[in-house]
PDB file of N, CA and C in Angstrom:
ATOM      1  N   MET A   1      12.881  -0.691  -8.168  1.00  0.00           N
ATOM      2  CA  MET A   1      11.528  -1.039  -8.509  1.00  0.00           C
ATOM      3  C   MET A   1      11.407  -1.379  -9.995  1.00  0.00           C
ATOM      4  N   GLU A   2      12.496  -1.295 -10.675  1.00  0.00           N
ATOM      5  CA  GLU A   2      12.516  -1.613 -12.097  1.00  0.00           C
ATOM      6  C   GLU A   2      12.027  -3.036 -12.364  1.00  0.00           C
ATOM      7  N   TRP A   3      12.339  -3.949 -11.458  1.00  0.00           N
ATOM      8  CA  TRP A   3      11.909  -5.338 -11.623  1.00  0.00           C
ATOM      9  C   TRP A   3      10.391  -5.443 -11.674  1.00  0.00           C
ATOM     10  N   PHE A   4       9.691  -4.588 -10.929  1.00  0.00           N
ATOM     11  CA  PHE A   4       8.231  -4.643 -10.890  1.00  0.00           C
ATOM     12  C   PHE A   4       7.636  -4.195 -12.221  1.00  0.00           C
ATOM     13  N   THR A   5       8.185  -3.151 -12.794  1.00  0.00           N
ATOM     14  CA  THR A   5       7.630  -2.627 -14.048  1.00  0.00           C
ATOM     15  C   THR A   5       7.897  -3.551 -15.229  1.00  0.00           C
ATOM     16  N   ARG A   6       8.800  -4.504 -15.063  1.00  0.00           N
ATOM     17  CA  ARG A   6       9.072  -5.474 -16.131  1.00  0.00           C
ATOM     18  C   ARG A   6       8.083  -6.637 -16.142  1.00  0.00           C
ATOM     19  N   ILE A   7       7.252  -6.762 -15.144  1.00  0.00           N
ATOM     20  CA  ILE A   7       6.251  -7.841 -15.114  1.00  0.00           C
ATOM     21  C   ILE A   7       5.235  -7.569 -16.217  1.00  0.00           C
ATOM     22  N   ASP A   8       5.033  -8.559 -17.078  1.00  0.00           N
ATOM     23  CA  ASP A   8       4.090  -8.411 -18.190  1.00  0.00           C
ATOM     24  C   ASP A   8       2.687  -8.098 -17.683  1.00  0.00           C
ATOM     25  N   GLY A   9       2.100  -7.025 -18.208  1.00  0.00           N
ATOM     26  CA  GLY A   9       0.733  -6.650 -17.874  1.00  0.00           C
ATOM     27  C   GLY A   9       0.599  -5.648 -16.756  1.00  0.00           C
ATOM     28  N   VAL A  10       1.650  -5.423 -15.995  1.00  0.00           N
ATOM     29  CA  VAL A  10       1.532  -4.527 -14.843  1.00  0.00           C
ATOM     30  C   VAL A  10       1.346  -3.068 -15.283  1.00  0.00           C
ATOM     31  N   ASP A  11       1.839  -2.716 -16.452  1.00  0.00           N
ATOM     32  CA  ASP A  11       1.693  -1.344 -16.930  1.00  0.00           C
ATOM     33  C   ASP A  11       0.266  -1.009 -17.351  1.00  0.00           C
ATOM     34  N   GLU A  12      -0.593  -1.990 -17.445  1.00  0.00           N
ATOM     35  CA  GLU A  12      -1.990  -1.770 -17.822  1.00  0.00           C
ATOM     36  C   GLU A  12      -2.913  -1.634 -16.612  1.00  0.00           C
ATOM     37  N   LEU A  13      -2.404  -1.813 -15.409  1.00  0.00           N
ATOM     38  CA  LEU A  13      -3.234  -1.729 -14.204  1.00  0.00           C
ATOM     39  C   LEU A  13      -3.536  -0.269 -13.900  1.00  0.00           C
ATOM     40  N   ASP A  14      -4.824   0.040 -13.710  1.00  0.00           N
ATOM     41  CA  ASP A  14      -5.187   1.438 -13.514  1.00  0.00           C
ATOM     42  C   ASP A  14      -6.057   1.702 -12.287  1.00  0.00           C
ATOM     43  N   THR A  15      -6.460   0.661 -11.577  1.00  0.00           N
ATOM     44  CA  THR A  15      -7.228   0.841 -10.344  1.00  0.00           C
ATOM     45  C   THR A  15      -6.671  -0.094  -9.280  1.00  0.00           C
ATOM     46  N   ALA A  16      -6.987   0.214  -8.048  1.00  0.00           N
ATOM     47  CA  ALA A  16      -6.544  -0.655  -6.954  1.00  0.00           C
ATOM     48  C   ALA A  16      -7.111  -2.059  -7.137  1.00  0.00           C
ATOM     49  N   GLN A  17      -8.387  -2.136  -7.494  1.00  0.00           N
ATOM     50  CA  GLN A  17      -9.008  -3.449  -7.683  1.00  0.00           C
ATOM     51  C   GLN A  17      -8.330  -4.223  -8.808  1.00  0.00           C
ATOM     52  N   SER A  18      -7.871  -3.518  -9.846  1.00  0.00           N
ATOM     53  CA  SER A  18      -7.202  -4.214 -10.952  1.00  0.00           C
ATOM     54  C   SER A  18      -5.885  -4.840 -10.495  1.00  0.00           C
ATOM     55  N   PHE A  19      -5.209  -4.231  -9.521  1.00  0.00           N
ATOM     56  CA  PHE A  19      -3.998  -4.836  -8.965  1.00  0.00           C
ATOM     57  C   PHE A  19      -4.339  -6.158  -8.283  1.00  0.00           C
ATOM     58  N   PHE A  20      -5.396  -6.150  -7.479  1.00  0.00           N
ATOM     59  CA  PHE A  20      -5.779  -7.371  -6.772  1.00  0.00           C
ATOM     60  C   PHE A  20      -6.252  -8.454  -7.736  1.00  0.00           C
ATOM     61  N   ASP A  21      -6.946  -8.052  -8.784  1.00  0.00           N
ATOM     62  CA  ASP A  21      -7.378  -9.020  -9.797  1.00  0.00           C
ATOM     63  C   ASP A  21      -6.167  -9.598 -10.534  1.00  0.00           C
ATOM     64  N   PHE A  22      -5.230  -8.752 -10.918  1.00  0.00           N
ATOM     65  CA  PHE A  22      -4.046  -9.173 -11.654  1.00  0.00           C
ATOM     66  C   PHE A  22      -3.219 -10.180 -10.852  1.00  0.00           C
ATOM     67  N   PHE A  23      -3.094  -9.921  -9.549  1.00  0.00           N
ATOM     68  CA  PHE A  23      -2.299 -10.806  -8.700  1.00  0.00           C
ATOM     69  C   PHE A  23      -3.143 -11.901  -8.046  1.00  0.00           C
ATOM     70  N   ALA A  24      -4.377 -12.045  -8.490  1.00  0.00           N
ATOM     71  CA  ALA A  24      -5.272 -13.120  -8.065  1.00  0.00           C
ATOM     72  C   ALA A  24      -5.392 -13.207  -6.544  1.00  0.00           C
ATOM     73  N   LEU A  25      -5.664 -12.055  -5.926  1.00  0.00           N
ATOM     74  CA  LEU A  25      -5.849 -12.007  -4.475  1.00  0.00           C
ATOM     75  C   LEU A  25      -7.318 -11.738  -4.164  1.00  0.00           C
ATOM     76  N   GLU A  26      -7.860 -12.537  -3.269  1.00  0.00           N
ATOM     77  CA  GLU A  26      -9.238 -12.326  -2.850  1.00  0.00           C
ATOM     78  C   GLU A  26      -9.255 -11.283  -1.739  1.00  0.00           C
ATOM     79  N   VAL A  27     -10.024 -10.233  -1.970  1.00  0.00           N
ATOM     80  CA  VAL A  27     -10.115  -9.136  -1.016  1.00  0.00           C
ATOM     81  C   VAL A  27     -11.561  -8.680  -0.903  1.00  0.00           C
ATOM     82  N   ASP A  28     -11.831  -7.890   0.109  1.00  0.00           N
ATOM     83  CA  ASP A  28     -13.142  -7.284   0.266  1.00  0.00           C
ATOM     84  C   ASP A  28     -13.162  -6.015  -0.598  1.00  0.00           C
ATOM     85  N   PRO A  29     -13.942  -5.994  -1.677  1.00  0.00           N
ATOM     86  CA  PRO A  29     -13.946  -4.835  -2.580  1.00  0.00           C
ATOM     87  C   PRO A  29     -14.301  -3.521  -1.885  1.00  0.00           C
ATOM     88  N   GLN A  30     -15.163  -3.596  -0.879  1.00  0.00           N
ATOM     89  CA  GLN A  30     -15.542  -2.379  -0.157  1.00  0.00           C
ATOM     90  C   GLN A  30     -14.348  -1.817   0.617  1.00  0.00           C
ATOM     91  N   LEU A  31     -13.562  -2.693   1.231  1.00  0.00           N
ATOM     92  CA  LEU A  31     -12.359  -2.226   1.931  1.00  0.00           C
ATOM     93  C   LEU A  31     -11.333  -1.671   0.953  1.00  0.00           C
ATOM     94  N   VAL A  32     -11.219  -2.294  -0.194  1.00  0.00           N
ATOM     95  CA  VAL A  32     -10.284  -1.789  -1.211  1.00  0.00           C
ATOM     96  C   VAL A  32     -10.719  -0.408  -1.676  1.00  0.00           C
ATOM     97  N   ARG A  33     -12.016  -0.218  -1.903  1.00  0.00           N
ATOM     98  CA  ARG A  33     -12.507   1.103  -2.338  1.00  0.00           C
ATOM     99  C   ARG A  33     -12.253   2.164  -1.280  1.00  0.00           C
ATOM    100  N   SER A  34     -12.457   1.835  -0.028  1.00  0.00           N
ATOM    101  CA  SER A  34     -12.328   2.851   1.021  1.00  0.00           C
ATOM    102  C   SER A  34     -10.886   3.087   1.468  1.00  0.00           C
ATOM    103  N   ARG A  35      -9.999   2.122   1.233  1.00  0.00           N
ATOM    104  CA  ARG A  35      -8.620   2.268   1.716  1.00  0.00           C
ATOM    105  C   ARG A  35      -7.583   2.128   0.595  1.00  0.00           C
ATOM    106  N   HIS A  36      -8.011   2.311  -0.634  1.00  0.00           N
ATOM    107  CA  HIS A  36      -7.101   2.059  -1.760  1.00  0.00           C
ATOM    108  C   HIS A  36      -5.848   2.927  -1.734  1.00  0.00           C
ATOM    109  N   LEU A  37      -5.964   4.190  -1.356  1.00  0.00           N
ATOM    110  CA  LEU A  37      -4.777   5.049  -1.304  1.00  0.00           C
ATOM    111  C   LEU A  37      -3.769   4.537  -0.279  1.00  0.00           C
ATOM    112  N   HIS A  38      -4.264   4.117   0.849  1.00  0.00           N
ATOM    113  CA  HIS A  38      -3.399   3.635   1.931  1.00  0.00           C
ATOM    114  C   HIS A  38      -2.736   2.312   1.545  1.00  0.00           C
ATOM    115  N   ILE A  39      -3.516   1.422   0.947  1.00  0.00           N
ATOM    116  CA  ILE A  39      -2.982   0.122   0.544  1.00  0.00           C
ATOM    117  C   ILE A  39      -1.913   0.295  -0.534  1.00  0.00           C
ATOM    118  N   LEU A  40      -2.221   1.091  -1.554  1.00  0.00           N
ATOM    119  CA  LEU A  40      -1.266   1.263  -2.651  1.00  0.00           C
ATOM    120  C   LEU A  40      -0.026   2.047  -2.213  1.00  0.00           C
ATOM    121  N   HIS A  41      -0.180   2.961  -1.273  1.00  0.00           N
ATOM    122  CA  HIS A  41       0.988   3.663  -0.733  1.00  0.00           C
ATOM    123  C   HIS A  41       1.901   2.679   0.001  1.00  0.00           C
ATOM    124  N   ASP A  42       1.302   1.842   0.828  1.00  0.00           N
ATOM    125  CA  ASP A  42       2.078   0.840   1.553  1.00  0.00           C
ATOM    126  C   ASP A  42       2.737  -0.131   0.567  1.00  0.00           C
ATOM    127  N   PHE A  43       2.003  -0.530  -0.469  1.00  0.00           N
ATOM    128  CA  PHE A  43       2.535  -1.430  -1.492  1.00  0.00           C
ATOM    129  C   PHE A  43       3.728  -0.780  -2.198  1.00  0.00           C
ATOM    130  N   HIS A  44       3.605   0.482  -2.537  1.00  0.00           N
ATOM    131  CA  HIS A  44       4.713   1.199  -3.183  1.00  0.00           C
ATOM    132  C   HIS A  44       5.941   1.234  -2.279  1.00  0.00           C
ATOM    133  N   GLN A  45       5.730   1.472  -0.992  1.00  0.00           N
ATOM    134  CA  GLN A  45       6.850   1.484  -0.044  1.00  0.00           C
ATOM    135  C   GLN A  45       7.523   0.116   0.004  1.00  0.00           C
ATOM    136  N   ARG A  46       6.729  -0.920   0.025  1.00  0.00           N
ATOM    137  CA  ARG A  46       7.292  -2.281   0.065  1.00  0.00           C
ATOM    138  C   ARG A  46       8.022  -2.612  -1.244  1.00  0.00           C
ATOM    139  N   LEU A  47       7.451  -2.196  -2.369  1.00  0.00           N
ATOM    140  CA  LEU A  47       8.100  -2.444  -3.661  1.00  0.00           C
ATOM    141  C   LEU A  47       9.452  -1.743  -3.747  1.00  0.00           C
ATOM    142  N   SER A  48       9.522  -0.519  -3.223  1.00  0.00           N
ATOM    143  CA  SER A  48      10.761   0.256  -3.350  1.00  0.00           C
ATOM    144  C   SER A  48      11.888  -0.299  -2.487  1.00  0.00           C
ATOM    145  N   THR A  49      11.561  -1.093  -1.480  1.00  0.00           N
ATOM    146  CA  THR A  49      12.609  -1.668  -0.631  1.00  0.00           C
ATOM    147  C   THR A  49      12.878  -3.143  -0.934  1.00  0.00           C
ATOM    148  N   ALA A  50      12.038  -3.750  -1.760  1.00  0.00           N
ATOM    149  CA  ALA A  50      12.189  -5.177  -2.065  1.00  0.00           C
ATOM    150  C   ALA A  50      13.315  -5.397  -3.067  1.00  0.00           C
ATOM    151  N   ILE A  51      14.033  -6.467  -2.858  1.00  0.00           N
ATOM    152  CA  ILE A  51      15.095  -6.871  -3.774  1.00  0.00           C
ATOM    153  C   ILE A  51      14.792  -8.295  -4.208  1.00  0.00           C
ATOM    154  N   PRO A  52      14.365  -8.455  -5.462  1.00  0.00           N
ATOM    155  CA  PRO A  52      14.036  -9.816  -5.921  1.00  0.00           C
ATOM    156  C   PRO A  52      15.294 -10.655  -6.075  1.00  0.00           C
ATOM    157  N   LEU A  53      15.170 -11.897  -5.710  1.00  0.00           N
ATOM    158  CA  LEU A  53      16.280 -12.833  -5.848  1.00  0.00           C
ATOM    159  C   LEU A  53      15.959 -13.821  -6.951  1.00  0.00           C
ATOM    160  N   HIS A  54      16.874 -13.958  -7.892  1.00  0.00           N
ATOM    161  CA  HIS A  54      16.703 -14.925  -8.976  1.00  0.00           C
ATOM    162  C   HIS A  54      17.814 -15.948  -8.866  1.00  0.00           C
ATOM    163  N   PHE A  55      17.428 -17.180  -8.918  1.00  0.00           N
ATOM    164  CA  PHE A  55      18.393 -18.264  -8.836  1.00  0.00           C
ATOM    165  C   PHE A  55      18.631 -18.819 -10.234  1.00  0.00           C
ATOM    166  N   SER A  56      19.826 -19.269 -10.491  1.00  0.00           N
ATOM    167  CA  SER A  56      20.189 -19.720 -11.837  1.00  0.00           C
ATOM    168  C   SER A  56      19.349 -20.912 -12.305  1.00  0.00           C
ATOM    169  N   GLN A  57      18.907 -21.772 -11.416  1.00  0.00           N
ATOM    170  CA  GLN A  57      18.117 -22.921 -11.819  1.00  0.00           C
ATOM    171  C   GLN A  57      16.646 -22.579 -12.025  1.00  0.00           C
ATOM    172  N   GLN A  58      16.284 -21.362 -11.744  1.00  0.00           N
ATOM    173  CA  GLN A  58      14.890 -20.958 -11.881  1.00  0.00           C
ATOM    174  C   GLN A  58      14.529 -20.807 -13.358  1.00  0.00           C
ATOM    175  N   ASP A  59      13.438 -21.437 -13.769  1.00  0.00           N
ATOM    176  CA  ASP A  59      13.039 -21.430 -15.176  1.00  0.00           C
ATOM    177  C   ASP A  59      12.513 -20.073 -15.636  1.00  0.00           C
ATOM    178  N   ASP A  60      11.708 -19.435 -14.812  1.00  0.00           N
ATOM    179  CA  ASP A  60      11.036 -18.204 -15.232  1.00  0.00           C
ATOM    180  C   ASP A  60      11.199 -17.114 -14.175  1.00  0.00           C
ATOM    181  N   PRO A  61      12.216 -16.236 -14.319  1.00  0.00           N
ATOM    182  CA  PRO A  61      12.417 -15.176 -13.332  1.00  0.00           C
ATOM    183  C   PRO A  61      11.245 -14.207 -13.251  1.00  0.00           C
ATOM    184  N   SER A  62      10.511 -14.005 -14.351  1.00  0.00           N
ATOM    185  CA  SER A  62       9.378 -13.085 -14.303  1.00  0.00           C
ATOM    186  C   SER A  62       8.278 -13.632 -13.398  1.00  0.00           C
ATOM    187  N   ARG A  63       8.147 -14.939 -13.324  1.00  0.00           N
ATOM    188  CA  ARG A  63       7.162 -15.565 -12.424  1.00  0.00           C
ATOM    189  C   ARG A  63       7.549 -15.306 -10.965  1.00  0.00           C
ATOM    190  N   ALA A  64       8.843 -15.338 -10.674  1.00  0.00           N
ATOM    191  CA  ALA A  64       9.321 -15.048  -9.317  1.00  0.00           C
ATOM    192  C   ALA A  64       9.016 -13.603  -8.959  1.00  0.00           C
ATOM    193  N   ASP A  65       9.191 -12.691  -9.910  1.00  0.00           N
ATOM    194  CA  ASP A  65       8.865 -11.279  -9.664  1.00  0.00           C
ATOM    195  C   ASP A  65       7.378 -11.119  -9.385  1.00  0.00           C
ATOM    196  N   TRP A  66       6.547 -11.818 -10.183  1.00  0.00           N
ATOM    197  CA  TRP A  66       5.102 -11.767  -9.990  1.00  0.00           C
ATOM    198  C   TRP A  66       4.728 -12.272  -8.602  1.00  0.00           C
ATOM    199  N   GLN A  67       5.331 -13.372  -8.175  1.00  0.00           N
ATOM    200  CA  GLN A  67       5.025 -13.943  -6.860  1.00  0.00           C
ATOM    201  C   GLN A  67       5.471 -13.011  -5.739  1.00  0.00           C
ATOM    202  N   LEU A  68       6.629 -12.375  -5.888  1.00  0.00           N
ATOM    203  CA  LEU A  68       7.096 -11.420  -4.883  1.00  0.00           C
ATOM    204  C   LEU A  68       6.139 -10.239  -4.796  1.00  0.00           C
ATOM    205  N   ALA A  69       5.756  -9.680  -5.938  1.00  0.00           N
ATOM    206  CA  ALA A  69       4.821  -8.550  -5.943  1.00  0.00           C
ATOM    207  C   ALA A  69       3.482  -8.959  -5.326  1.00  0.00           C
ATOM    208  N   ARG A  70       3.038 -10.174  -5.607  1.00  0.00           N
ATOM    209  CA  ARG A  70       1.780 -10.678  -5.039  1.00  0.00           C
ATOM    210  C   ARG A  70       1.869 -10.741  -3.515  1.00  0.00           C
ATOM    211  N   ARG A  71       2.981 -11.261  -2.999  1.00  0.00           N
ATOM    212  CA  ARG A  71       3.163 -11.335  -1.544  1.00  0.00           C
ATOM    213  C   ARG A  71       3.190  -9.935  -0.931  1.00  0.00           C
ATOM    214  N   LEU A  72       3.853  -8.992  -1.584  1.00  0.00           N
ATOM    215  CA  LEU A  72       3.942  -7.626  -1.058  1.00  0.00           C
ATOM    216  C   LEU A  72       2.583  -6.936  -1.063  1.00  0.00           C
ATOM    217  N   LEU A  73       1.804  -7.135  -2.125  1.00  0.00           N
ATOM    218  CA  LEU A  73       0.464  -6.546  -2.183  1.00  0.00           C
ATOM    219  C   LEU A  73      -0.437  -7.155  -1.116  1.00  0.00           C
ATOM    220  N   ALA A  74      -0.358  -8.458  -0.924  1.00  0.00           N
ATOM    221  CA  ALA A  74      -1.154  -9.115   0.119  1.00  0.00           C
ATOM    222  C   ALA A  74      -0.758  -8.591   1.496  1.00  0.00           C
ATOM    223  N   ALA A  75       0.525  -8.404   1.730  1.00  0.00           N
ATOM    224  CA  ALA A  75       0.986  -7.876   3.022  1.00  0.00           C
ATOM    225  C   ALA A  75       0.498  -6.448   3.230  1.00  0.00           C
ATOM    226  N   SER A  76       0.491  -5.636   2.181  1.00  0.00           N
ATOM    227  CA  SER A  76       0.002  -4.260   2.280  1.00  0.00           C
ATOM    228  C   SER A  76      -1.480  -4.236   2.608  1.00  0.00           C
ATOM    229  N   TYR A  77      -2.238  -5.090   1.952  1.00  0.00           N
ATOM    230  CA  TYR A  77      -3.678  -5.175   2.206  1.00  0.00           C
ATOM    231  C   TYR A  77      -3.926  -5.578   3.657  1.00  0.00           C
ATOM    232  N   GLN A  78      -3.268  -6.630   4.103  1.00  0.00           N
ATOM    233  CA  GLN A  78      -3.459  -7.101   5.476  1.00  0.00           C
ATOM    234  C   GLN A  78      -3.067  -6.035   6.493  1.00  0.00           C
ATOM    235  N   HIS A  79      -1.982  -5.343   6.222  1.00  0.00           N
ATOM    236  CA  HIS A  79      -1.528  -4.290   7.136  1.00  0.00           C
ATOM    237  C   HIS A  79      -2.558  -3.161   7.235  1.00  0.00           C
ATOM    238  N   CYS A  80      -3.098  -2.743   6.102  1.00  0.00           N
ATOM    239  CA  CYS A  80      -4.000  -1.589   6.079  1.00  0.00           C
ATOM    240  C   CYS A  80      -5.406  -1.893   6.586  1.00  0.00           C
ATOM    241  N   ILE A  81      -5.793  -3.151   6.631  1.00  0.00           N
ATOM    242  CA  ILE A  81      -7.120  -3.471   7.159  1.00  0.00           C
ATOM    243  C   ILE A  81      -7.055  -3.987   8.593  1.00  0.00           C
ATOM    244  N   ALA A  82      -5.853  -4.077   9.147  1.00  0.00           N
ATOM    245  CA  ALA A  82      -5.675  -4.672  10.473  1.00  0.00           C
ATOM    246  C   ALA A  82      -6.163  -3.785  11.614  1.00  0.00           C
ATOM    247  N   GLY A  83      -6.428  -2.541  11.349  1.00  0.00           N
ATOM    248  CA  GLY A  83      -6.857  -1.652  12.423  1.00  0.00           C
ATOM    249  C   GLY A  83      -7.281  -0.313  11.863  1.00  0.00           C
ATOM    250  N   PRO A  84      -7.460   0.657  12.754  1.00  0.00           N
ATOM    251  CA  PRO A  84      -7.862   1.996  12.307  1.00  0.00           C
ATOM    252  C   PRO A  84      -6.800   2.616  11.395  1.00  0.00           C
ATOM    253  N   LEU A  85      -7.263   3.358  10.402  1.00  0.00           N
ATOM    254  CA  LEU A  85      -6.330   3.971   9.446  1.00  0.00           C
ATOM    255  C   LEU A  85      -5.320   4.883  10.128  1.00  0.00           C
ATOM    256  N   VAL A  86      -5.742   5.563  11.157  1.00  0.00           N
ATOM    257  CA  VAL A  86      -4.823   6.473  11.840  1.00  0.00           C
ATOM    258  C   VAL A  86      -3.603   5.723  12.382  1.00  0.00           C
ATOM    259  N   GLU A  87      -3.758   4.445  12.694  1.00  0.00           N
ATOM    260  CA  GLU A  87      -2.649   3.636  13.195  1.00  0.00           C
ATOM    261  C   GLU A  87      -1.945   2.861  12.087  1.00  0.00           C
ATOM    262  N   GLN A  88      -2.662   2.493  11.030  1.00  0.00           N
ATOM    263  CA  GLN A  88      -2.122   1.612  10.015  1.00  0.00           C
ATOM    264  C   GLN A  88      -1.550   2.328   8.797  1.00  0.00           C
ATOM    265  N   SER A  89      -2.031   3.525   8.526  1.00  0.00           N
ATOM    266  CA  SER A  89      -1.633   4.203   7.301  1.00  0.00           C
ATOM    267  C   SER A  89      -0.242   4.806   7.411  1.00  0.00           C
ATOM    268  N   GLY A  90       0.475   4.757   6.301  1.00  0.00           N
ATOM    269  CA  GLY A  90       1.783   5.395   6.231  1.00  0.00           C
ATOM    270  C   GLY A  90       1.717   6.768   5.593  1.00  0.00           C
ATOM    271  N   LEU A  91       0.514   7.211   5.212  1.00  0.00           N
ATOM    272  CA  LEU A  91       0.382   8.523   4.593  1.00  0.00           C
ATOM    273  C   LEU A  91       0.715   9.620   5.595  1.00  0.00           C
ATOM    274  N   ALA A  92       1.352  10.659   5.122  1.00  0.00           N
ATOM    275  CA  ALA A  92       1.849  11.731   5.991  1.00  0.00           C
ATOM    276  C   ALA A  92       0.747  12.410   6.793  1.00  0.00           C
ATOM    277  N   VAL A  93      -0.461  12.430   6.276  1.00  0.00           N
ATOM    278  CA  VAL A  93      -1.545  13.093   6.987  1.00  0.00           C
ATOM    279  C   VAL A  93      -1.793  12.457   8.357  1.00  0.00           C
ATOM    280  N   TYR A  94      -1.436  11.191   8.510  1.00  0.00           N
ATOM    281  CA  TYR A  94      -1.637  10.498   9.773  1.00  0.00           C
ATOM    282  C   TYR A  94      -0.375  10.445  10.639  1.00  0.00           C
ATOM    283  N   GLN A  95       0.706  10.997  10.156  1.00  0.00           N
ATOM    284  CA  GLN A  95       1.981  10.886  10.866  1.00  0.00           C
ATOM    285  C   GLN A  95       2.320  12.177  11.602  1.00  0.00           C
ATOM    286  N   ARG A  96       1.614  12.480  12.620  1.00  0.00           N
ATOM    287  CA  ARG A  96       1.880  13.679  13.415  1.00  0.00           C
ATOM    288  C   ARG A  96       2.895  13.347  14.495  1.00  0.00           C
ATOM    289  N   HIS A  97       3.861  14.239  14.671  1.00  0.00           N
ATOM    290  CA  HIS A  97       4.891  14.003  15.677  1.00  0.00           C
ATOM    291  C   HIS A  97       4.383  14.316  17.082  1.00  0.00           C
ATOM    292  N   GLN A  98       3.671  15.397  17.216  1.00  0.00           N
ATOM    293  CA  GLN A  98       3.148  15.797  18.510  1.00  0.00           C
ATOM    294  C   GLN A  98       1.641  15.994  18.392  1.00  0.00           C
ATOM    295  N   PRO A  99       0.893  15.358  19.274  1.00  0.00           N
ATOM    296  CA  PRO A  99      -0.544  15.647  19.247  1.00  0.00           C
ATOM    297  C   PRO A  99      -0.761  17.108  19.638  1.00  0.00           C
ATOM    298  N   SER A 100      -1.731  17.735  19.006  1.00  0.00           N
ATOM    299  CA  SER A 100      -1.980  19.140  19.337  1.00  0.00           C
ATOM    300  C   SER A 100      -3.341  19.278  20.006  1.00  0.00           C
ATOM    301  N   PHE A 101      -3.391  20.221  20.923  1.00  0.00           N
ATOM    302  CA  PHE A 101      -4.629  20.497  21.628  1.00  0.00           C
ATOM    303  C   PHE A 101      -4.721  22.002  21.834  1.00  0.00           C
ATOM    304  N   ILE A 102      -5.847  22.585  21.457  1.00  0.00           N
ATOM    305  CA  ILE A 102      -6.077  24.012  21.667  1.00  0.00           C
ATOM    306  C   ILE A 102      -7.288  24.129  22.576  1.00  0.00           C
ATOM    307  N   PRO A 103      -7.088  24.715  23.753  1.00  0.00           N
ATOM    308  CA  PRO A 103      -8.224  24.866  24.673  1.00  0.00           C
ATOM    309  C   PRO A 103      -9.330  25.724  24.055  1.00  0.00           C
ATOM    310  N   TRP A 104     -10.553  25.405  24.390  1.00  0.00           N
ATOM    311  CA  TRP A 104     -11.727  26.103  23.863  1.00  0.00           C
ATOM    312  C   TRP A 104     -11.662  27.594  24.177  1.00  0.00           C
ATOM    313  N   ASP A 105     -11.215  27.944  25.369  1.00  0.00           N
ATOM    314  CA  ASP A 105     -11.118  29.359  25.768  1.00  0.00           C
ATOM    315  C   ASP A 105     -10.174  30.134  24.848  1.00  0.00           C
ATOM    316  N   ASP A 106      -9.095  29.503  24.429  1.00  0.00           N
ATOM    317  CA  ASP A 106      -8.163  30.160  23.509  1.00  0.00           C
ATOM    318  C   ASP A 106      -8.808  30.426  22.157  1.00  0.00           C
ATOM    319  N   LEU A 107      -9.618  29.486  21.698  1.00  0.00           N
ATOM    320  CA  LEU A 107     -10.323  29.692  20.439  1.00  0.00           C
ATOM    321  C   LEU A 107     -11.335  30.825  20.549  1.00  0.00           C
ATOM    322  N   LEU A 108     -12.035  30.894  21.671  1.00  0.00           N
ATOM    323  CA  LEU A 108     -13.017  31.974  21.882  1.00  0.00           C
ATOM    324  C   LEU A 108     -12.316  33.325  21.964  1.00  0.00           C
ATOM    325  N   ALA A 109     -11.129  33.365  22.553  1.00  0.00           N
ATOM    326  CA  ALA A 109     -10.389  34.611  22.675  1.00  0.00           C
ATOM    327  C   ALA A 109     -10.000  35.133  21.291  1.00  0.00           C
ATOM    328  N   LEU A 110      -9.686  34.246  20.374  1.00  0.00           N
ATOM    329  CA  LEU A 110      -9.323  34.653  19.014  1.00  0.00           C
ATOM    330  C   LEU A 110     -10.521  35.218  18.251  1.00  0.00           C
ATOM    331  N   ARG A 111     -11.684  34.723  18.566  1.00  0.00           N
ATOM    332  CA  ARG A 111     -12.912  35.141  17.902  1.00  0.00           C
ATOM    333  C   ARG A 111     -13.296  36.588  18.242  1.00  0.00           C
ATOM    334  N   SER A 112     -12.991  37.025  19.454  1.00  0.00           N
ATOM    335  CA  SER A 112     -13.397  38.369  19.868  1.00  0.00           C
ATOM    336  C   SER A 112     -12.488  39.456  19.392  1.00  0.00           C
TER     337      SER A 112
END
């Protein structure tokens, strides 16, 4: 992820909306406010697995990094707004291995 931190200006981003503004992506601000943790978590996951490719004939490798980060952020946004958070989020709170169910009678038995 070192390539991402080398992009000029990225170290000054401090809000989810500032990321979208920096990468010039049009988004619904209300969705960004309500799902910013999920979007940025997904973006971080994508950044950590991305490998930027620089070609020798390329004039500005930092521009290629910016474009890659922009594509990854757009993909994270689209992924996180595509459905209910319980299905779209990668946060651990939504990643239960086994659904749990406690019958009402069992809860009442504990109360007595």
